[in-house]
PDB file of N, CA and C in Angstrom:
ATOM      1  N   MET A   1       0.847  -1.184   0.000  1.00  0.00           N
ATOM      2  CA  MET A   1       0.000   0.000   0.000  1.00  0.00           C
ATOM      3  C   MET A   1       0.889   1.242   0.000  1.00  0.00           C
ATOM      4  N   LEU A   2       0.446   2.255  -0.691  1.00  0.00           N
ATOM      5  CA  LEU A   2       1.217   3.495  -0.771  1.00  0.00           C
ATOM      6  C   LEU A   2       1.247   4.205   0.577  1.00  0.00           C
ATOM      7  N   PRO A   3       2.363   4.862   0.891  1.00  0.00           N
ATOM      8  CA  PRO A   3       2.465   5.563   2.172  1.00  0.00           C
ATOM      9  C   PRO A   3       1.356   6.600   2.375  1.00  0.00           C
ATOM     10  N   LEU A   4       0.984   7.306   1.334  1.00  0.00           N
ATOM     11  CA  LEU A   4      -0.065   8.318   1.466  1.00  0.00           C
ATOM     12  C   LEU A   4      -1.391   7.673   1.855  1.00  0.00           C
ATOM     13  N   LEU A   5      -1.713   6.557   1.249  1.00  0.00           N
ATOM     14  CA  LEU A   5      -2.958   5.866   1.585  1.00  0.00           C
ATOM     15  C   LEU A   5      -2.956   5.380   3.024  1.00  0.00           C
ATOM     16  N   ARG A   6      -1.809   4.921   3.498  1.00  0.00           N
ATOM     17  CA  ARG A   6      -1.708   4.497   4.902  1.00  0.00           C
ATOM     18  C   ARG A   6      -1.988   5.667   5.838  1.00  0.00           C
ATOM     19  N   ARG A   7      -1.388   6.808   5.518  1.00  0.00           N
ATOM     20  CA  ARG A   7      -1.611   7.985   6.362  1.00  0.00           C
ATOM     21  C   ARG A   7      -3.078   8.393   6.346  1.00  0.00           C
ATOM     22  N   LEU A   8      -3.694   8.341   5.180  1.00  0.00           N
ATOM     23  CA  LEU A   8      -5.108   8.694   5.085  1.00  0.00           C
ATOM     24  C   LEU A   8      -5.980   7.734   5.887  1.00  0.00           C
ATOM     25  N   GLU A   9      -5.650   6.461   5.846  1.00  0.00           N
ATOM     26  CA  GLU A   9      -6.406   5.484   6.625  1.00  0.00           C
ATOM     27  C   GLU A   9      -6.267   5.746   8.116  1.00  0.00           C
ATOM     28  N   ARG A  10      -5.078   6.113   8.552  1.00  0.00           N
ATOM     29  CA  ARG A  10      -4.876   6.435   9.962  1.00  0.00           C
ATOM     30  C   ARG A  10      -5.675   7.670  10.353  1.00  0.00           C
ATOM     31  N   LEU A  11      -5.661   8.667   9.493  1.00  0.00           N
ATOM     32  CA  LEU A  11      -6.381   9.901   9.791  1.00  0.00           C
ATOM     33  C   LEU A  11      -7.893   9.714   9.771  1.00  0.00           C
ATOM     34  N   ARG A  12      -8.355   8.806   8.970  1.00  0.00           N
ATOM     35  CA  ARG A  12      -9.791   8.590   8.829  1.00  0.00           C
ATOM     36  C   ARG A  12     -10.451   8.367  10.189  1.00  0.00           C
ATOM     37  N   GLY A  13      -9.779   7.706  11.082  1.00  0.00           N
ATOM     38  CA  GLY A  13     -10.342   7.436  12.395  1.00  0.00           C
ATOM     39  C   GLY A  13     -10.249   8.614  13.345  1.00  0.00           C
ATOM     40  N   THR A  14      -9.399   9.585  13.054  1.00  0.00           N
ATOM     41  CA  THR A  14      -9.190  10.689  13.989  1.00  0.00           C
ATOM     42  C   THR A  14      -9.870  11.986  13.580  1.00  0.00           C
ATOM     43  N   ILE A  15     -10.172  12.142  12.312  1.00  0.00           N
ATOM     44  CA  ILE A  15     -10.782  13.383  11.849  1.00  0.00           C
ATOM     45  C   ILE A  15     -12.256  13.126  11.552  1.00  0.00           C
ATOM     46  N   PRO A  16     -13.147  13.748  12.319  1.00  0.00           N
ATOM     47  CA  PRO A  16     -14.572  13.530  12.046  1.00  0.00           C
ATOM     48  C   PRO A  16     -14.953  14.147  10.701  1.00  0.00           C
ATOM     49  N   MET A  17     -15.632  13.366   9.875  1.00  0.00           N
ATOM     50  CA  MET A  17     -16.050  13.844   8.562  1.00  0.00           C
ATOM     51  C   MET A  17     -17.502  14.309   8.647  1.00  0.00           C
ATOM     52  N   LYS A  18     -17.743  15.545   8.244  1.00  0.00           N
ATOM     53  CA  LYS A  18     -19.104  16.074   8.219  1.00  0.00           C
ATOM     54  C   LYS A  18     -19.749  15.651   6.912  1.00  0.00           C
ATOM     55  N   ARG A  19     -20.969  15.202   6.991  1.00  0.00           N
ATOM     56  CA  ARG A  19     -21.688  14.810   5.779  1.00  0.00           C
ATOM     57  C   ARG A  19     -22.126  16.061   5.037  1.00  0.00           C
ATOM     58  N   TYR A  20     -21.949  16.045   3.757  1.00  0.00           N
ATOM     59  CA  TYR A  20     -22.338  17.145   2.875  1.00  0.00           C
ATOM     60  C   TYR A  20     -23.681  16.768   2.278  1.00  0.00           C
ATOM     61  N   THR A  21     -24.719  17.507   2.639  1.00  0.00           N
ATOM     62  CA  THR A  21     -26.071  17.111   2.258  1.00  0.00           C
ATOM     63  C   THR A  21     -26.527  17.778   0.966  1.00  0.00           C
ATOM     64  N   CYS A  22     -27.584  17.233   0.410  1.00  0.00           N
ATOM     65  CA  CYS A  22     -28.193  17.807  -0.799  1.00  0.00           C
ATOM     66  C   CYS A  22     -28.695  19.221  -0.521  1.00  0.00           C
ATOM     67  N   THR A  23     -29.211  19.438   0.668  1.00  0.00           N
ATOM     68  CA  THR A  23     -29.722  20.760   1.030  1.00  0.00           C
ATOM     69  C   THR A  23     -28.598  21.782   1.040  1.00  0.00           C
ATOM     70  N   GLU A  24     -27.444  21.405   1.591  1.00  0.00           N
ATOM     71  CA  GLU A  24     -26.302  22.320   1.607  1.00  0.00           C
ATOM     72  C   GLU A  24     -25.847  22.644   0.188  1.00  0.00           C
ATOM     73  N   TYR A  25     -25.798  21.629  -0.649  1.00  0.00           N
ATOM     74  CA  TYR A  25     -25.399  21.836  -2.043  1.00  0.00           C
ATOM     75  C   TYR A  25     -26.396  22.760  -2.743  1.00  0.00           C
ATOM     76  N   ARG A  26     -27.672  22.504  -2.530  1.00  0.00           N
ATOM     77  CA  ARG A  26     -28.720  23.320  -3.149  1.00  0.00           C
ATOM     78  C   ARG A  26     -28.594  24.783  -2.732  1.00  0.00           C
ATOM     79  N   LEU A  27     -28.398  25.022  -1.441  1.00  0.00           N
ATOM     80  CA  LEU A  27     -28.251  26.396  -0.957  1.00  0.00           C
ATOM     81  C   LEU A  27     -27.014  27.063  -1.555  1.00  0.00           C
ATOM     82  N   GLU A  28     -25.914  26.315  -1.657  1.00  0.00           N
ATOM     83  CA  GLU A  28     -24.697  26.880  -2.253  1.00  0.00           C
ATOM     84  C   GLU A  28     -24.922  27.271  -3.708  1.00  0.00           C
ATOM     85  N   MET A  29     -25.626  26.427  -4.447  1.00  0.00           N
ATOM     86  CA  MET A  29     -25.881  26.722  -5.861  1.00  0.00           C
ATOM     87  C   MET A  29     -26.838  27.904  -6.017  1.00  0.00           C
ATOM     88  N   MET A  30     -27.818  28.001  -5.119  1.00  0.00           N
ATOM     89  CA  MET A  30     -28.723  29.153  -5.147  1.00  0.00           C
ATOM     90  C   MET A  30     -27.947  30.434  -4.854  1.00  0.00           C
ATOM     91  N   LEU A  31     -27.077  30.376  -3.859  1.00  0.00           N
ATOM     92  CA  LEU A  31     -26.262  31.531  -3.496  1.00  0.00           C
ATOM     93  C   LEU A  31     -25.365  31.946  -4.655  1.00  0.00           C
ATOM     94  N   LEU A  32     -24.761  30.981  -5.311  1.00  0.00           N
ATOM     95  CA  LEU A  32     -23.909  31.265  -6.462  1.00  0.00           C
ATOM     96  C   LEU A  32     -24.704  31.942  -7.578  1.00  0.00           C
ATOM     97  N   GLY A  33     -25.881  31.410  -7.884  1.00  0.00           N
ATOM     98  CA  GLY A  33     -26.710  31.978  -8.940  1.00  0.00           C
ATOM     99  C   GLY A  33     -27.153  33.394  -8.625  1.00  0.00           C
ATOM    100  N   LEU A  34     -27.575  33.630  -7.390  1.00  0.00           N
ATOM    101  CA  LEU A  34     -28.016  34.974  -7.003  1.00  0.00           C
ATOM    102  C   LEU A  34     -26.853  35.961  -7.029  1.00  0.00           C
ATOM    103  N   THR A  35     -25.681  35.510  -6.613  1.00  0.00           N
ATOM    104  CA  THR A  35     -24.502  36.377  -6.633  1.00  0.00           C
ATOM    105  C   THR A  35     -24.135  36.754  -8.059  1.00  0.00           C
ATOM    106  N   ARG A  36     -24.242  35.807  -8.964  1.00  0.00           N
ATOM    107  CA  ARG A  36     -23.964  36.104 -10.376  1.00  0.00           C
ATOM    108  C   ARG A  36     -24.972  37.102 -10.931  1.00  0.00           C
ATOM    109  N   LYS A  37     -26.238  36.923 -10.578  1.00  0.00           N
ATOM    110  CA  LYS A  37     -27.265  37.869 -11.033  1.00  0.00           C
ATOM    111  C   LYS A  37     -26.985  39.264 -10.483  1.00  0.00           C
ATOM    112  N   LEU A  38     -26.532  39.322  -9.234  1.00  0.00           N
ATOM    113  CA  LEU A  38     -26.255  40.610  -8.599  1.00  0.00           C
ATOM    114  C   LEU A  38     -25.144  41.356  -9.325  1.00  0.00           C
ATOM    115  N   ASN A  39     -24.225  40.639  -9.927  1.00  0.00           N
ATOM    116  CA  ASN A  39     -23.124  41.265 -10.654  1.00  0.00           C
ATOM    117  C   ASN A  39     -23.532  41.785 -12.026  1.00  0.00           C
ATOM    118  N   ASP A  40     -24.768  41.518 -12.440  1.00  0.00           N
ATOM    119  CA  ASP A  40     -25.277  42.010 -13.718  1.00  0.00           C
ATOM    120  C   ASP A  40     -25.442  43.529 -13.634  1.00  0.00           C
ATOM    121  N   THR A  41     -24.850  44.249 -14.577  1.00  0.00           N
ATOM    122  CA  THR A  41     -24.890  45.716 -14.537  1.00  0.00           C
ATOM    123  C   THR A  41     -26.212  46.282 -15.021  1.00  0.00           C
ATOM    124  N   ASN A  42     -27.069  45.469 -15.629  1.00  0.00           N
ATOM    125  CA  ASN A  42     -28.334  45.964 -16.168  1.00  0.00           C
ATOM    126  C   ASN A  42     -29.495  45.860 -15.187  1.00  0.00           C
ATOM    127  N   LEU A  43     -29.222  45.592 -13.927  1.00  0.00           N
ATOM    128  CA  LEU A  43     -30.285  45.428 -12.938  1.00  0.00           C
ATOM    129  C   LEU A  43     -30.850  46.771 -12.493  1.00  0.00           C
ATOM    130  N   GLU A  44     -32.143  46.784 -12.282  1.00  0.00           N
ATOM    131  CA  GLU A  44     -32.801  47.948 -11.687  1.00  0.00           C
ATOM    132  C   GLU A  44     -32.462  47.972 -10.195  1.00  0.00           C
ATOM    133  N   PRO A  45     -32.445  49.162  -9.591  1.00  0.00           N
ATOM    134  CA  PRO A  45     -32.099  49.252  -8.159  1.00  0.00           C
ATOM    135  C   PRO A  45     -32.992  48.392  -7.260  1.00  0.00           C
ATOM    136  N   GLN A  46     -34.295  48.344  -7.546  1.00  0.00           N
ATOM    137  CA  GLN A  46     -35.185  47.541  -6.689  1.00  0.00           C
ATOM    138  C   GLN A  46     -34.907  46.044  -6.853  1.00  0.00           C
ATOM    139  N   ASP A  47     -34.534  45.621  -8.064  1.00  0.00           N
ATOM    140  CA  ASP A  47     -34.174  44.215  -8.281  1.00  0.00           C
ATOM    141  C   ASP A  47     -32.874  43.873  -7.558  1.00  0.00           C
ATOM    142  N   ARG A  48     -31.930  44.796  -7.593  1.00  0.00           N
ATOM    143  CA  ARG A  48     -30.649  44.598  -6.914  1.00  0.00           C
ATOM    144  C   ARG A  48     -30.865  44.450  -5.402  1.00  0.00           C
ATOM    145  N   GLU A  49     -31.741  45.281  -4.848  1.00  0.00           N
ATOM    146  CA  GLU A  49     -32.020  45.224  -3.413  1.00  0.00           C
ATOM    147  C   GLU A  49     -32.703  43.905  -3.044  1.00  0.00           C
ATOM    148  N   LYS A  50     -33.629  43.455  -3.890  1.00  0.00           N
ATOM    149  CA  LYS A  50     -34.310  42.185  -3.636  1.00  0.00           C
ATOM    150  C   LYS A  50     -33.306  41.028  -3.655  1.00  0.00           C
ATOM    151  N   LEU A  51     -32.387  41.049  -4.615  1.00  0.00           N
ATOM    152  CA  LEU A  51     -31.355  40.006  -4.682  1.00  0.00           C
ATOM    153  C   LEU A  51     -30.481  40.011  -3.430  1.00  0.00           C
ATOM    154  N   LYS A  52     -30.111  41.203  -2.962  1.00  0.00           N
ATOM    155  CA  LYS A  52     -29.292  41.305  -1.750  1.00  0.00           C
ATOM    156  C   LYS A  52     -30.011  40.690  -0.555  1.00  0.00           C
ATOM    157  N   GLN A  53     -31.322  40.933  -0.464  1.00  0.00           N
ATOM    158  CA  GLN A  53     -32.096  40.364   0.642  1.00  0.00           C
ATOM    159  C   GLN A  53     -32.155  38.843   0.541  1.00  0.00           C
ATOM    160  N   GLU A  54     -32.342  38.323  -0.661  1.00  0.00           N
ATOM    161  CA  GLU A  54     -32.371  36.871  -0.857  1.00  0.00           C
ATOM    162  C   GLU A  54     -31.021  36.248  -0.500  1.00  0.00           C
ATOM    163  N   ILE A  55     -29.941  36.911  -0.899  1.00  0.00           N
ATOM    164  CA  ILE A  55     -28.595  36.421  -0.580  1.00  0.00           C
ATOM    165  C   ILE A  55     -28.386  36.392   0.929  1.00  0.00           C
ATOM    166  N   GLN A  56     -28.813  37.446   1.610  1.00  0.00           N
ATOM    167  CA  GLN A  56     -28.665  37.493   3.066  1.00  0.00           C
ATOM    168  C   GLN A  56     -29.443  36.368   3.736  1.00  0.00           C
ATOM    169  N   GLU A  57     -30.639  36.075   3.231  1.00  0.00           N
ATOM    170  CA  GLU A  57     -31.450  35.002   3.812  1.00  0.00           C
ATOM    171  C   GLU A  57     -30.770  33.641   3.628  1.00  0.00           C
ATOM    172  N   ILE A  58     -30.240  33.389   2.457  1.00  0.00           N
ATOM    173  CA  ILE A  58     -29.552  32.114   2.216  1.00  0.00           C
ATOM    174  C   ILE A  58     -28.292  32.020   3.071  1.00  0.00           C
ATOM    175  N   GLU A  59     -27.541  33.110   3.176  1.00  0.00           N
ATOM    176  CA  GLU A  59     -26.343  33.110   4.023  1.00  0.00           C
ATOM    177  C   GLU A  59     -26.711  32.834   5.476  1.00  0.00           C
ATOM    178  N   ARG A  60     -27.845  33.377   5.922  1.00  0.00           N
ATOM    179  CA  ARG A  60     -28.297  33.130   7.289  1.00  0.00           C
ATOM    180  C   ARG A  60     -28.630  31.648   7.467  1.00  0.00           C
ATOM    181  N   GLN A  61     -29.325  31.058   6.489  1.00  0.00           N
ATOM    182  CA  GLN A  61     -29.679  29.639   6.555  1.00  0.00           C
ATOM    183  C   GLN A  61     -28.432  28.759   6.583  1.00  0.00           C
ATOM    184  N   MET A  62     -27.392  29.193   5.898  1.00  0.00           N
ATOM    185  CA  MET A  62     -26.154  28.415   5.828  1.00  0.00           C
ATOM    186  C   MET A  62     -25.256  28.643   7.042  1.00  0.00           C
ATOM    187  N   GLY A  63     -25.617  29.600   7.888  1.00  0.00           N
ATOM    188  CA  GLY A  63     -24.796  29.894   9.052  1.00  0.00           C
ATOM    189  C   GLY A  63     -23.621  30.795   8.740  1.00  0.00           C
ATOM    190  N   LEU A  64     -23.675  31.483   7.605  1.00  0.00           N
ATOM    191  CA  LEU A  64     -22.600  32.391   7.220  1.00  0.00           C
ATOM    192  C   LEU A  64     -22.827  33.796   7.767  1.00  0.00           C
ATOM    193  N   GLN A  65     -24.012  34.016   8.306  1.00  0.00           N
ATOM    194  CA  GLN A  65     -24.387  35.340   8.780  1.00  0.00           C
ATOM    195  C   GLN A  65     -25.211  35.155  10.053  1.00  0.00           C
ATOM    196  N   GLU A  66     -25.008  36.033  11.002  1.00  0.00           N
ATOM    197  CA  GLU A  66     -25.772  35.931  12.240  1.00  0.00           C
ATOM    198  C   GLU A  66     -27.193  36.406  12.012  1.00  0.00           C
ATOM    199  N   GLU A  67     -28.129  35.764  12.729  1.00  0.00           N
ATOM    200  CA  GLU A  67     -29.530  36.163  12.625  1.00  0.00           C
ATOM    201  C   GLU A  67     -29.721  37.500  13.311  1.00  0.00           C
ATOM    202  N   THR A  68     -30.577  38.324  12.710  1.00  0.00           N
ATOM    203  CA  THR A  68     -30.848  39.641  13.311  1.00  0.00           C
ATOM    204  C   THR A  68     -32.278  39.746  13.737  1.00  0.00           C
TER     205      THR A  68
END
């Protein structure tokens, strides 16, 4: 067995692995899409503000922002 694989096997028991869920992936993709839309220069100010609010809500759900 390769030395790197041995080290990884040893670490596997010591480092807790967090499960990456479909919900987390979905929220990340939504956040990415909204951020890309926000960078569009042709947005109306009210649309830009709505996007910012949606981004803040998703960030809050993901734990990236404190609840207010």
